[in-house]
N, C-alpha and C. Protein backbone atom coordinates (compact mmCIF):
# COMPACT_ATOMS: atom_id res chain seq x y z
N MET A 1 1.21 -1.04 0.04
CA MET A 1 0.03 -0.01 0.09
C MET A 1 0.81 1.43 -0.11
N LYS A 2 2.02 1.51 0.62
CA LYS A 2 2.60 2.10 0.95
C LYS A 2 3.60 2.58 -0.39
N ASP A 3 3.81 1.53 -1.08
CA ASP A 3 4.58 1.68 -2.21
C ASP A 3 3.68 2.05 -3.15
N HIS A 4 2.28 1.48 -3.40
CA HIS A 4 1.44 2.12 -4.51
C HIS A 4 1.28 3.84 -3.85
N MET A 5 1.14 4.42 -2.90
CA MET A 5 1.12 5.73 -2.81
C MET A 5 2.07 6.49 -2.98
N ARG A 6 3.29 5.81 -2.78
CA ARG A 6 4.64 6.41 -3.30
C ARG A 6 4.73 6.81 -4.43
N LEU A 7 4.26 5.45 -5.46
CA LEU A 7 4.25 5.92 -6.90
C LEU A 7 3.11 6.72 -7.40
N GLN A 8 2.11 6.66 -6.94
CA GLN A 8 0.84 7.73 -7.09
C GLN A 8 1.76 9.16 -6.94
N SER A 9 2.51 9.27 -5.67
CA SER A 9 3.06 10.76 -5.62
C SER A 9 4.01 10.87 -6.26
N THR A 10 4.74 10.12 -6.53
CA THR A 10 5.84 10.43 -7.91
C THR A 10 5.07 10.81 -9.17
N ASN A 11 4.12 9.91 -9.80
CA ASN A 11 3.47 10.67 -10.92
C ASN A 11 2.90 11.81 -10.75
N TRP A 12 2.11 12.13 -9.59
CA TRP A 12 1.67 13.74 -9.89
C TRP A 12 2.58 14.69 -9.81
N GLN A 13 3.93 14.25 -9.04
CA GLN A 13 5.22 15.08 -8.85
C GLN A 13 5.71 15.47 -10.45
N THR A 14 5.46 14.67 -10.98
CA THR A 14 6.07 14.61 -12.81
C THR A 14 4.75 15.21 -13.34
N VAL A 15 3.78 15.41 -13.24
CA VAL A 15 2.69 15.87 -13.84
C VAL A 15 3.10 17.54 -13.47
N GLY A 16 3.13 17.81 -11.91
CA GLY A 16 3.34 19.09 -11.61
C GLY A 16 4.60 19.81 -12.44
N GLY A 17 5.56 18.97 -12.53
CA GLY A 17 6.83 19.19 -13.38
C GLY A 17 6.94 19.39 -14.78
N TRP A 18 5.69 18.57 -15.57
CA TRP A 18 5.28 18.84 -16.73
C TRP A 18 4.93 20.39 -17.12
N VAL A 19 4.18 20.84 -15.74
CA VAL A 19 3.22 21.89 -15.91
C VAL A 19 4.17 23.17 -15.75
N ALA A 20 4.97 22.88 -14.92
CA ALA A 20 6.09 23.84 -14.70
C ALA A 20 7.01 23.91 -15.93
N ARG A 21 7.33 23.14 -16.58
CA ARG A 21 8.07 23.71 -17.72
C ARG A 21 7.24 24.27 -19.10
N VAL A 22 5.72 24.09 -19.07
CA VAL A 22 4.99 24.45 -20.22
C VAL A 22 5.30 25.88 -19.64
N LEU A 23 4.93 26.25 -18.38
CA LEU A 23 4.76 27.61 -18.02
C LEU A 23 6.17 28.24 -18.13
N ARG A 24 7.28 27.39 -18.24
CA ARG A 24 8.49 28.65 -18.34
C ARG A 24 8.69 28.21 -19.94
N MET A 25 8.19 27.77 -20.60
CA MET A 25 8.10 27.92 -22.29
C MET A 25 8.96 26.95 -22.43
N ASP A 26 9.34 25.73 -21.84
CA ASP A 26 10.51 24.84 -22.21
C ASP A 26 9.73 23.92 -22.73
N PHE A 27 9.22 24.13 -24.21
CA PHE A 27 8.48 23.09 -25.08
C PHE A 27 9.32 21.70 -25.69
N SER A 28 10.70 21.32 -25.22
CA SER A 28 10.75 20.17 -25.23
C SER A 28 9.76 19.23 -24.39
N VAL A 29 9.09 19.82 -23.23
CA VAL A 29 8.40 18.68 -22.32
C VAL A 29 7.28 17.93 -23.03
N PHE A 30 6.78 18.85 -24.46
CA PHE A 30 6.12 17.79 -25.19
C PHE A 30 6.05 16.53 -25.76
N GLU A 31 7.41 16.50 -26.34
CA GLU A 31 7.96 15.53 -26.76
C GLU A 31 7.99 14.15 -25.75
N GLU A 32 8.21 14.59 -24.57
CA GLU A 32 8.10 13.77 -23.32
C GLU A 32 6.69 13.50 -22.76
N ILE A 33 5.61 14.22 -22.77
CA ILE A 33 4.74 13.88 -22.61
C ILE A 33 3.66 13.23 -24.07
N ARG A 34 4.08 13.28 -25.20
CA ARG A 34 3.71 12.63 -26.20
C ARG A 34 3.79 11.36 -26.01
N SER A 35 5.17 11.02 -25.30
CA SER A 35 5.47 9.77 -25.45
C SER A 35 5.11 8.58 -24.04
N GLU A 36 4.41 9.49 -23.34
CA GLU A 36 4.52 8.78 -21.90
C GLU A 36 2.74 8.59 -22.12
N PRO A 37 2.41 7.28 -22.34
CA PRO A 37 0.66 6.93 -22.21
C PRO A 37 0.35 6.94 -21.24
N ALA A 38 0.79 6.82 -19.97
CA ALA A 38 0.31 7.19 -18.29
C ALA A 38 -0.11 9.07 -18.22
N ALA A 39 0.17 9.30 -19.48
CA ALA A 39 -0.19 11.05 -19.21
C ALA A 39 -1.27 11.56 -19.82
N THR A 40 -2.09 10.70 -20.32
CA THR A 40 -3.45 10.88 -21.18
C THR A 40 -4.39 11.11 -20.13
N LEU A 41 -4.37 10.71 -19.34
CA LEU A 41 -5.69 11.04 -18.11
C LEU A 41 -5.38 12.40 -17.53
N ALA A 42 -3.78 12.33 -17.23
CA ALA A 42 -3.41 13.50 -16.04
C ALA A 42 -3.92 15.05 -17.43
N ALA A 43 -3.48 14.66 -18.46
CA ALA A 43 -3.78 16.15 -19.51
C ALA A 43 -5.19 16.32 -19.53
N VAL A 44 -6.17 15.38 -19.52
CA VAL A 44 -7.51 15.67 -19.29
C VAL A 44 -7.78 16.50 -17.77
N VAL A 45 -7.25 15.80 -16.73
CA VAL A 45 -7.32 16.54 -15.59
C VAL A 45 -6.81 17.80 -15.51
N VAL A 46 -5.66 18.05 -16.26
CA VAL A 46 -4.82 19.59 -16.61
C VAL A 46 -5.92 20.43 -17.25
N VAL A 47 -6.69 19.87 -18.24
CA VAL A 47 -7.62 20.84 -18.78
C VAL A 47 -8.71 20.93 -17.73
N LEU A 48 -9.21 20.10 -17.00
CA LEU A 48 -10.25 20.58 -16.23
C LEU A 48 -9.73 21.39 -15.18
N VAL A 49 -8.79 21.06 -14.54
CA VAL A 49 -8.49 22.30 -13.22
C VAL A 49 -8.08 23.39 -14.03
N ALA A 50 -7.75 23.42 -15.18
CA ALA A 50 -7.57 24.96 -15.91
C ALA A 50 -8.63 25.77 -15.91
N GLY A 51 -9.72 25.03 -16.42
CA GLY A 51 -11.24 25.38 -16.34
C GLY A 51 -12.07 25.74 -15.01
N VAL A 52 -11.23 24.82 -13.90
CA VAL A 52 -11.89 25.41 -12.38
C VAL A 52 -11.14 26.64 -12.23
N PHE A 53 -10.14 27.15 -12.58
CA PHE A 53 -9.37 28.06 -12.39
C PHE A 53 -9.99 29.25 -12.95
N ALA A 54 -10.33 29.24 -14.23
CA ALA A 54 -11.27 30.07 -14.98
C ALA A 54 -12.73 30.28 -14.31
N GLY A 55 -13.18 29.51 -14.08
CA GLY A 55 -14.41 29.33 -13.38
C GLY A 55 -14.19 30.16 -11.97
N SER A 56 -13.41 29.76 -11.32
CA SER A 56 -13.11 30.88 -10.19
C SER A 56 -13.11 32.20 -10.46
N GLY A 57 -12.34 32.66 -11.31
CA GLY A 57 -12.32 34.12 -11.90
C GLY A 57 -13.84 34.64 -12.35
N SER A 58 -14.23 34.01 -12.94
CA SER A 58 -15.58 34.47 -13.39
C SER A 58 -16.69 34.44 -12.00
N TRP A 59 -16.63 33.62 -10.92
CA TRP A 59 -17.30 33.70 -9.71
C TRP A 59 -16.97 34.90 -8.88
N LEU A 60 -15.80 35.17 -8.91
CA LEU A 60 -14.80 36.26 -8.10
C LEU A 60 -15.63 37.64 -8.86
N TRP A 61 -15.43 37.41 -10.06
CA TRP A 61 -16.04 38.59 -10.67
C TRP A 61 -17.59 38.81 -10.46
N ALA A 62 -18.48 37.61 -10.37
CA ALA A 62 -19.73 37.87 -10.07
C ALA A 62 -20.31 38.29 -8.44
N LEU A 63 -19.09 37.92 -7.38
CA LEU A 63 -19.05 38.02 -6.34
C LEU A 63 -18.85 39.66 -5.77
N GLN A 64 -18.30 40.38 -6.84
CA GLN A 64 -18.26 41.88 -6.73
C GLN A 64 -19.14 42.27 -7.56
N HIS A 65 -20.11 41.84 -8.40
CA HIS A 65 -21.29 42.57 -8.73
C HIS A 65 -22.68 41.96 -8.65
N SER A 66 -22.29 41.68 -6.85
CA SER A 66 -23.68 41.28 -6.48
C SER A 66 -24.97 41.99 -6.43
N GLU A 67 -24.53 43.17 -6.88
CA GLU A 67 -25.83 44.22 -7.06
C GLU A 67 -26.23 44.45 -7.87
N PHE A 68 -26.17 43.85 -9.16
CA PHE A 68 -26.37 43.69 -10.71
C PHE A 68 -27.69 42.58 -10.14
N ARG A 69 -28.66 43.27 -11.26
CA ARG A 69 -29.97 42.33 -11.15
C ARG A 69 -29.84 40.97 -11.61
N GLY A 70 -30.11 39.73 -10.63
CA GLY A 70 -30.26 38.72 -11.67
C GLY A 70 -28.63 37.95 -10.82
N ILE A 71 -27.73 38.90 -10.28
CA ILE A 71 -26.54 38.02 -10.12
C ILE A 71 -26.14 37.37 -8.68
N ASP A 72 -26.16 36.21 -8.53
CA ASP A 72 -26.23 35.51 -7.52
C ASP A 72 -24.88 34.72 -7.43
N GLY A 73 -24.03 34.74 -6.55
CA GLY A 73 -22.96 34.36 -6.52
C GLY A 73 -23.00 32.66 -6.12
N GLY A 74 -23.73 32.22 -5.97
CA GLY A 74 -23.81 30.75 -5.39
C GLY A 74 -24.26 29.97 -6.68
N GLU A 75 -25.31 30.63 -7.44
CA GLU A 75 -25.72 30.17 -8.75
C GLU A 75 -24.83 30.18 -9.86
N VAL A 76 -23.85 31.51 -9.96
CA VAL A 76 -22.40 31.56 -10.42
C VAL A 76 -21.19 30.53 -10.41
N PHE A 77 -21.18 30.03 -8.80
CA PHE A 77 -20.33 29.37 -8.33
C PHE A 77 -20.39 27.99 -9.35
N LEU A 78 -22.02 27.61 -9.28
CA LEU A 78 -22.41 26.17 -9.78
C LEU A 78 -22.31 26.09 -11.19
N LYS A 79 -22.97 27.28 -11.76
CA LYS A 79 -23.16 26.92 -13.59
C LYS A 79 -21.78 27.55 -14.16
N SER A 80 -20.80 28.43 -13.73
CA SER A 80 -19.43 28.67 -14.26
C SER A 80 -18.23 27.95 -13.79
N LEU A 81 -18.23 27.67 -12.70
CA LEU A 81 -17.11 27.19 -12.05
C LEU A 81 -17.21 25.46 -12.03
N VAL A 82 -18.17 24.99 -11.34
CA VAL A 82 -18.80 23.58 -11.45
C VAL A 82 -18.73 22.90 -13.00
N LEU A 83 -20.24 23.50 -13.17
CA LEU A 83 -20.80 22.87 -14.48
C LEU A 83 -20.00 23.21 -15.80
N GLY A 84 -19.49 24.31 -15.70
CA GLY A 84 -18.76 25.07 -16.81
C GLY A 84 -17.42 24.61 -16.94
N SER A 85 -16.86 24.24 -16.03
CA SER A 85 -15.32 23.53 -16.23
C SER A 85 -15.31 22.04 -16.58
N LEU A 86 -16.48 21.34 -16.47
CA LEU A 86 -16.83 20.18 -16.65
C LEU A 86 -17.34 19.81 -18.24
N VAL A 87 -18.27 20.91 -18.62
CA VAL A 87 -18.65 21.13 -20.27
C VAL A 87 -17.48 21.56 -20.82
N GLN A 88 -16.69 22.40 -20.51
CA GLN A 88 -15.58 23.10 -21.62
C GLN A 88 -14.62 21.81 -21.58
N THR A 89 -14.23 20.93 -20.36
CA THR A 89 -13.14 20.00 -21.04
C THR A 89 -13.93 18.79 -21.68
N ALA A 90 -15.16 18.42 -22.17
CA ALA A 90 -16.12 18.03 -22.70
C ALA A 90 -15.83 18.52 -24.20
N VAL A 91 -15.79 20.14 -24.41
CA VAL A 91 -15.73 20.41 -25.83
C VAL A 91 -14.33 20.64 -25.97
N TRP A 92 -13.57 20.79 -24.58
CA TRP A 92 -12.18 20.67 -25.75
C TRP A 92 -11.73 19.45 -26.31
N LEU A 93 -12.45 18.42 -25.89
CA LEU A 93 -11.91 17.02 -26.95
C LEU A 93 -12.54 17.17 -28.26
N LEU A 94 -13.50 17.86 -28.13
CA LEU A 94 -14.24 18.08 -30.15
C LEU A 94 -13.04 18.97 -30.63
N TRP A 95 -12.29 20.01 -29.87
CA TRP A 95 -11.52 21.08 -30.53
C TRP A 95 -10.21 19.61 -30.66
N VAL A 96 -9.61 19.07 -29.87
CA VAL A 96 -8.71 17.87 -30.12
C VAL A 96 -8.88 16.94 -31.30
N TYR A 97 -10.22 16.56 -31.47
CA TYR A 97 -11.00 15.94 -32.63
C TYR A 97 -11.01 16.44 -33.91
N LEU A 98 -11.54 17.66 -33.94
CA LEU A 98 -11.13 18.16 -35.15
C LEU A 98 -9.83 18.71 -35.79
N VAL A 99 -8.75 19.00 -34.82
CA VAL A 99 -7.34 18.80 -35.24
C VAL A 99 -7.24 17.86 -35.75
N TYR A 100 -7.29 16.43 -35.41
CA TYR A 100 -6.86 15.50 -35.80
C TYR A 100 -7.47 15.13 -37.10
N GLN A 101 -8.91 15.37 -37.23
CA GLN A 101 -9.77 15.01 -38.60
C GLN A 101 -9.13 15.73 -39.58
N VAL A 102 -8.69 17.15 -39.23
CA VAL A 102 -8.39 17.82 -40.55
C VAL A 102 -6.92 17.48 -40.93
N LEU A 103 -6.06 17.15 -39.92
CA LEU A 103 -4.75 16.75 -40.22
C LEU A 103 -4.55 15.56 -41.06
N ALA A 104 -5.43 14.76 -40.28
CA ALA A 104 -5.06 13.18 -40.77
C ALA A 104 -6.09 12.76 -42.39
N ARG A 105 -7.01 13.68 -42.49
CA ARG A 105 -7.98 13.76 -43.83
C ARG A 105 -7.35 14.34 -44.50
N GLY A 106 -7.49 15.78 -43.99
CA GLY A 106 -6.90 16.91 -44.73
C GLY A 106 -5.89 16.64 -45.23
N TYR A 107 -4.44 16.40 -44.66
CA TYR A 107 -3.47 16.80 -44.98
C TYR A 107 -2.75 15.33 -44.80
N GLY A 108 -3.48 14.40 -44.73
CA GLY A 108 -2.50 13.05 -44.37
C GLY A 108 -1.62 12.63 -43.66
N ALA A 109 -1.71 13.38 -42.56
CA ALA A 109 -0.60 13.60 -41.46
C ALA A 109 -0.75 12.03 -40.50
N GLN A 110 0.36 11.37 -40.30
CA GLN A 110 0.02 10.37 -39.62
C GLN A 110 0.63 10.69 -38.05
N MET A 111 -0.60 10.27 -37.34
CA MET A 111 -0.23 10.68 -35.79
C MET A 111 -1.17 10.17 -35.14
N ASP A 112 -1.02 9.71 -33.76
CA ASP A 112 -1.66 8.93 -32.74
C ASP A 112 -2.88 9.90 -32.03
N PHE A 113 -4.15 9.73 -32.20
CA PHE A 113 -5.18 10.69 -31.64
C PHE A 113 -4.63 10.81 -29.59
N ALA A 114 -4.11 9.63 -29.37
CA ALA A 114 -3.85 10.00 -27.81
C ALA A 114 -3.09 10.71 -27.52
N GLU A 115 -2.10 10.75 -28.33
CA GLU A 115 -0.51 11.79 -28.18
C GLU A 115 -0.69 13.30 -28.50
N LEU A 116 -1.99 13.45 -29.28
CA LEU A 116 -2.44 14.71 -29.60
C LEU A 116 -3.29 15.51 -28.19
N VAL A 117 -3.99 14.02 -27.78
CA VAL A 117 -4.61 14.87 -26.31
C VAL A 117 -3.72 15.05 -25.55
N ARG A 118 -3.11 14.38 -25.34
CA ARG A 118 -1.78 14.55 -24.11
C ARG A 118 -0.91 15.68 -24.41
N THR A 119 -0.37 16.28 -25.49
CA THR A 119 0.43 17.15 -25.88
C THR A 119 -0.73 18.53 -25.58
N MET A 120 -1.75 18.63 -26.35
CA MET A 120 -2.94 19.94 -26.32
C MET A 120 -3.49 19.92 -25.03
N GLY A 121 -3.43 18.93 -24.35
CA GLY A 121 -4.15 18.96 -23.05
C GLY A 121 -3.11 19.87 -21.63
N PHE A 122 -1.85 19.79 -21.82
CA PHE A 122 -0.79 20.34 -21.51
C PHE A 122 -0.55 21.52 -21.77
N ALA A 123 -1.05 21.83 -23.25
CA ALA A 123 -0.87 23.38 -23.64
C ALA A 123 -1.82 24.12 -23.05
N PHE A 124 -2.92 23.58 -22.38
CA PHE A 124 -3.90 24.20 -22.28
C PHE A 124 -3.98 24.92 -20.99
N VAL A 125 -2.72 24.49 -20.26
CA VAL A 125 -2.35 25.21 -19.41
C VAL A 125 -2.93 26.84 -18.98
N PRO A 126 -2.30 27.59 -19.99
CA PRO A 126 -2.31 29.11 -19.95
C PRO A 126 -3.95 29.68 -19.54
N VAL A 127 -4.99 28.65 -19.83
CA VAL A 127 -6.35 29.16 -19.61
C VAL A 127 -6.41 29.37 -18.02
N ALA A 128 -5.76 28.79 -17.29
CA ALA A 128 -5.70 28.88 -15.84
C ALA A 128 -5.90 30.14 -15.52
N PHE A 129 -4.85 31.15 -16.12
CA PHE A 129 -4.85 32.27 -16.02
C PHE A 129 -5.69 33.47 -16.07
N SER A 130 -7.05 32.71 -16.72
CA SER A 130 -8.56 33.36 -16.62
C SER A 130 -8.95 33.72 -15.35
N ILE A 131 -8.27 33.34 -14.02
CA ILE A 131 -8.71 33.46 -12.89
C ILE A 131 -8.47 35.12 -12.70
N LEU A 132 -7.61 35.48 -13.37
CA LEU A 132 -7.18 36.69 -13.60
C LEU A 132 -8.59 37.84 -13.73
N ILE A 133 -9.87 37.48 -14.72
CA ILE A 133 -10.77 38.28 -15.17
C ILE A 133 -11.65 38.84 -13.92
N ALA A 134 -10.89 37.99 -12.47
CA ALA A 134 -11.59 38.46 -11.36
C ALA A 134 -11.28 40.14 -10.92
N ILE A 135 -10.13 40.45 -11.76
CA ILE A 135 -9.87 41.69 -11.64
C ILE A 135 -10.73 42.53 -12.62
N THR A 136 -12.01 43.27 -12.27
CA THR A 136 -12.81 43.67 -12.94
C THR A 136 -12.62 44.53 -14.13
N ASN A 137 -11.92 45.18 -13.85
CA ASN A 137 -11.62 46.17 -15.14
C ASN A 137 -10.81 45.67 -16.47
N LEU A 138 -9.91 44.66 -15.97
CA LEU A 138 -9.30 44.22 -16.83
C LEU A 138 -9.85 42.60 -17.17
N ALA A 139 -11.11 42.28 -16.96
CA ALA A 139 -11.89 41.37 -17.26
C ALA A 139 -11.46 40.38 -18.37
N VAL A 140 -11.88 41.50 -19.62
CA VAL A 140 -11.83 40.94 -20.86
C VAL A 140 -10.46 40.62 -21.88
N PRO A 141 -9.53 41.73 -21.25
CA PRO A 141 -8.22 41.37 -21.67
C PRO A 141 -7.46 40.32 -21.28
N PHE A 142 -7.43 39.80 -19.58
CA PHE A 142 -7.22 39.02 -19.00
C PHE A 142 -7.72 37.52 -19.88
N GLY A 143 -8.84 37.53 -19.99
CA GLY A 143 -9.79 36.66 -20.60
C GLY A 143 -9.05 35.93 -21.95
N LEU A 144 -9.02 36.81 -22.75
CA LEU A 144 -8.30 36.79 -23.93
C LEU A 144 -6.96 36.76 -24.52
N LEU A 145 -6.12 37.05 -23.39
CA LEU A 145 -4.90 36.44 -23.23
C LEU A 145 -4.40 35.64 -23.24
N SER A 146 -5.32 34.71 -22.09
CA SER A 146 -5.02 33.69 -21.51
C SER A 146 -5.53 33.00 -22.68
N PHE A 147 -6.67 32.63 -23.41
CA PHE A 147 -6.81 32.01 -24.44
C PHE A 147 -5.51 32.28 -25.86
N GLY A 148 -5.10 33.69 -26.14
CA GLY A 148 -4.64 33.89 -26.76
C GLY A 148 -3.06 32.87 -26.89
N ILE A 149 -2.39 33.00 -25.66
CA ILE A 149 -1.20 32.06 -25.45
C ILE A 149 -1.56 30.62 -25.55
N THR A 150 -2.64 30.18 -25.34
CA THR A 150 -3.17 28.93 -25.47
C THR A 150 -3.19 28.34 -26.35
N LEU A 151 -3.48 29.31 -27.44
CA LEU A 151 -3.70 29.04 -29.30
C LEU A 151 -2.51 28.78 -29.69
N LEU A 152 -1.41 29.67 -29.26
CA LEU A 152 0.16 29.36 -29.41
C LEU A 152 0.58 28.18 -29.12
N TYR A 153 0.48 27.79 -27.78
CA TYR A 153 0.96 26.75 -26.85
C TYR A 153 0.25 25.22 -27.95
N THR A 154 -0.89 25.35 -28.34
CA THR A 154 -1.51 24.12 -28.89
C THR A 154 -0.72 23.81 -30.35
N ASN A 155 -0.73 25.24 -31.02
CA ASN A 155 0.12 25.13 -32.17
C ASN A 155 1.67 24.16 -32.28
N ILE A 156 2.23 24.83 -30.98
CA ILE A 156 3.60 24.23 -30.80
C ILE A 156 3.50 22.41 -30.50
N ALA A 157 1.96 22.24 -29.58
CA ALA A 157 2.16 20.73 -29.16
C ALA A 157 1.61 20.07 -30.51
N ILE A 158 0.78 20.54 -31.40
CA ILE A 158 0.35 20.00 -32.19
C ILE A 158 1.64 19.36 -33.29
N GLN A 159 2.41 20.44 -33.32
CA GLN A 159 3.48 20.17 -34.49
C GLN A 159 4.62 19.25 -33.85
N GLN A 160 4.75 19.15 -32.63
CA GLN A 160 5.37 17.93 -32.32
C GLN A 160 4.74 16.76 -32.39
N VAL A 161 3.59 16.07 -32.14
CA VAL A 161 2.82 15.19 -32.93
C VAL A 161 2.68 14.86 -33.98
N ALA A 162 2.34 15.72 -35.03
CA ALA A 162 2.11 15.64 -36.16
C ALA A 162 3.30 15.47 -37.09
N GLY A 163 4.03 16.53 -36.78
CA GLY A 163 5.33 16.99 -37.83
C GLY A 163 4.76 17.92 -39.25
N THR A 164 3.65 18.64 -38.58
CA THR A 164 3.10 19.42 -39.90
C THR A 164 3.60 20.82 -39.71
N GLU A 165 3.52 21.31 -41.27
CA GLU A 165 3.95 22.91 -41.29
C GLU A 165 3.34 23.64 -40.50
N VAL A 166 3.79 24.71 -40.37
CA VAL A 166 3.04 25.74 -39.55
C VAL A 166 1.37 26.34 -40.15
N ARG A 167 1.78 26.42 -41.53
CA ARG A 167 0.16 26.68 -42.02
C ARG A 167 -0.78 25.35 -41.86
N GLU A 168 -0.25 24.27 -42.20
CA GLU A 168 -1.64 23.17 -42.32
C GLU A 168 -1.63 23.17 -40.30
N THR A 169 -1.11 23.53 -39.29
CA THR A 169 -0.93 23.13 -37.97
C THR A 169 -2.45 24.33 -37.64
N THR A 170 -1.50 25.72 -37.94
CA THR A 170 -2.56 26.46 -37.61
C THR A 170 -4.07 26.30 -38.05
N LEU A 171 -4.11 26.02 -39.43
CA LEU A 171 -5.58 26.05 -39.88
C LEU A 171 -6.47 24.61 -39.13
N ALA A 172 -5.73 23.63 -39.29
CA ALA A 172 -6.46 22.92 -37.89
C ALA A 172 -6.72 23.58 -36.83
N ASN A 173 -5.71 24.10 -36.23
CA ASN A 173 -5.73 24.47 -34.67
C ASN A 173 -7.11 25.45 -34.67
N LEU A 174 -6.84 26.62 -35.61
CA LEU A 174 -7.97 27.22 -35.95
C LEU A 174 -9.44 26.82 -36.03
N THR A 175 -9.45 25.78 -37.13
CA THR A 175 -10.76 24.74 -36.94
C THR A 175 -11.56 24.33 -35.57
N GLY A 176 -10.57 23.78 -35.27
CA GLY A 176 -10.78 23.04 -33.87
C GLY A 176 -11.25 24.30 -32.97
N PHE A 177 -10.30 25.48 -32.75
CA PHE A 177 -10.55 26.13 -31.48
C PHE A 177 -11.97 27.09 -31.46
N GLY A 178 -12.24 27.15 -33.47
CA GLY A 178 -13.44 28.15 -33.46
C GLY A 178 -14.45 27.48 -33.24
N ALA A 179 -14.56 25.99 -33.33
CA ALA A 179 -15.81 25.14 -33.08
C ALA A 179 -16.08 25.47 -31.48
N PHE A 180 -14.79 25.02 -30.79
CA PHE A 180 -14.61 25.03 -29.00
C PHE A 180 -15.27 26.33 -28.76
N LEU A 181 -15.40 27.50 -29.31
CA LEU A 181 -15.61 28.77 -28.95
C LEU A 181 -17.15 29.25 -29.20
N ILE A 182 -17.50 28.08 -30.55
CA ILE A 182 -19.00 28.44 -31.07
C ILE A 182 -19.84 27.70 -29.99
N VAL A 183 -19.17 26.43 -29.66
CA VAL A 183 -20.10 25.46 -28.55
C VAL A 183 -20.14 26.02 -27.56
N MET A 184 -18.91 26.93 -26.72
CA MET A 184 -19.21 27.22 -25.50
C MET A 184 -19.82 28.41 -25.30
N GLY A 185 -19.98 29.08 -26.80
CA GLY A 185 -20.75 30.33 -26.63
C GLY A 185 -22.25 30.12 -26.42
N VAL A 186 -22.90 28.79 -27.07
CA VAL A 186 -23.98 28.27 -26.96
C VAL A 186 -24.11 28.44 -25.50
N PHE A 187 -23.46 27.47 -24.77
CA PHE A 187 -23.56 26.96 -23.39
C PHE A 187 -23.52 28.31 -22.62
N ALA A 188 -23.10 29.40 -22.67
CA ALA A 188 -23.01 30.47 -22.09
C ALA A 188 -24.68 31.16 -22.29
N ASN A 189 -25.12 30.81 -23.06
CA ASN A 189 -26.61 31.28 -23.19
C ASN A 189 -27.68 30.36 -22.75
N ILE A 190 -27.11 29.41 -22.04
CA ILE A 190 -27.97 28.01 -21.79
C ILE A 190 -28.10 28.48 -20.15
N ALA A 191 -29.08 28.44 -19.34
CA ALA A 191 -29.72 28.49 -17.91
C ALA A 191 -28.64 29.85 -17.44
N GLU A 192 -28.69 31.17 -18.02
CA GLU A 192 -28.01 32.17 -17.85
C GLU A 192 -28.41 32.60 -16.30
N VAL A 193 -27.45 33.21 -15.59
CA VAL A 193 -27.32 33.73 -14.23
C VAL A 193 -27.92 35.44 -14.69
N GLY A 194 -29.17 36.04 -14.50
CA GLY A 194 -29.46 37.27 -14.79
C GLY A 194 -29.50 36.64 -16.72
N THR A 195 -29.03 38.20 -16.98
CA THR A 195 -28.50 38.35 -18.73
C THR A 195 -26.89 38.13 -18.62
N PHE A 196 -26.14 37.97 -17.55
CA PHE A 196 -24.71 38.20 -17.69
C PHE A 196 -24.25 36.71 -18.52
N GLY A 197 -24.40 35.30 -18.00
CA GLY A 197 -23.66 34.41 -18.47
C GLY A 197 -24.35 33.06 -17.99
N GLY A 198 -24.05 32.02 -18.73
CA GLY A 198 -24.30 30.33 -18.13
C GLY A 198 -23.44 29.87 -18.14
N ILE A 199 -23.65 28.55 -18.58
CA ILE A 199 -22.67 27.62 -18.28
C ILE A 199 -21.22 27.52 -19.01
N ALA A 200 -20.17 28.37 -18.62
CA ALA A 200 -19.32 28.49 -19.16
C ALA A 200 -18.31 28.94 -18.13
N PRO A 201 -17.02 28.85 -18.04
CA PRO A 201 -15.84 29.41 -16.99
C PRO A 201 -15.20 30.33 -17.67
N GLY A 202 -14.90 31.24 -16.80
CA GLY A 202 -13.86 32.48 -17.37
C GLY A 202 -14.74 33.42 -18.16
N VAL A 203 -13.70 33.89 -19.18
CA VAL A 203 -14.28 34.96 -19.86
C VAL A 203 -15.33 34.53 -21.17
N LEU A 204 -15.50 33.18 -20.86
CA LEU A 204 -16.42 32.58 -21.84
C LEU A 204 -17.72 32.51 -21.13
N PHE A 205 -18.10 32.62 -19.88
CA PHE A 205 -19.26 32.93 -19.02
C PHE A 205 -20.21 33.96 -19.51
N PHE A 206 -19.28 34.97 -20.30
CA PHE A 206 -20.26 36.09 -20.53
C PHE A 206 -21.08 35.73 -21.90
N SER A 207 -22.03 36.00 -21.75
CA SER A 207 -23.10 35.56 -22.89
C SER A 207 -23.31 36.95 -23.75
N LEU A 208 -23.58 36.86 -25.27
CA LEU A 208 -23.62 37.92 -26.05
C LEU A 208 -24.50 39.10 -25.91
N ASP A 209 -25.53 38.89 -24.92
CA ASP A 209 -26.74 39.87 -24.82
C ASP A 209 -26.46 40.43 -23.32
N LEU A 210 -24.97 40.38 -23.00
CA LEU A 210 -24.77 40.96 -21.74
C LEU A 210 -25.19 42.48 -21.69
C-alpha cells in the first residue's frame, strides 16, 4: 500500500513538473509527454483544473457585482465554476478531435490521437490565468490573453505530434478552436444567471446579450 501511494505521489509530482516546464516555455516537454501513455488522463485533468481556475475567476467577478440584478454568487459558482469547467473539458475534446480529423484527412498526417490529447491537454494550462478576470476592469483583456497564449501553445504541441508545417497546423488548430468557441458560446447562453452568462467558465461565461 505504501509503495502504491509513493508511486502515485511520484506520478503527480511528474505532472507538476511538466506543467511547470510548460509555463517556463520549455516546449521540449511536449515530446516527453507525447511518449508517455500514462499522461493521457493527466492531460484531461489539467484541462479540467484550468477550467476550475477560469471558473473561479468568473465566480469572483460575480461576487464583486452582486448588486447587479439577477447576479447570484452561488448560482455562478455552480454554473460557471462547477458545470462550466466540466462542459469546457468535454468541448475541448471536440477541439482536439477536429484538429486530428483536419490533419489526418485533409493533409494525410500520421499521428496518434491519444498523443494529441496528451500534448494539447498540457498546452491548455494558460487558460488557468483566466482567474485574473476577477480583476473586473481588466476581465476581458486577461480572458482573451489566456486563450491567445493557449492557441500558440497548442500550435506548438500539435507540431510536436503531427510534424506538420505551420500553415497546416494553424489551419487545423483554428478549425478546432473556432468550433470550441462556438459551442462554448452556446452554453454561455444556456441557463443564464440574469442576463450575464451561463454554463461556461472564465471569460466564456459572459453571454452575447450582456
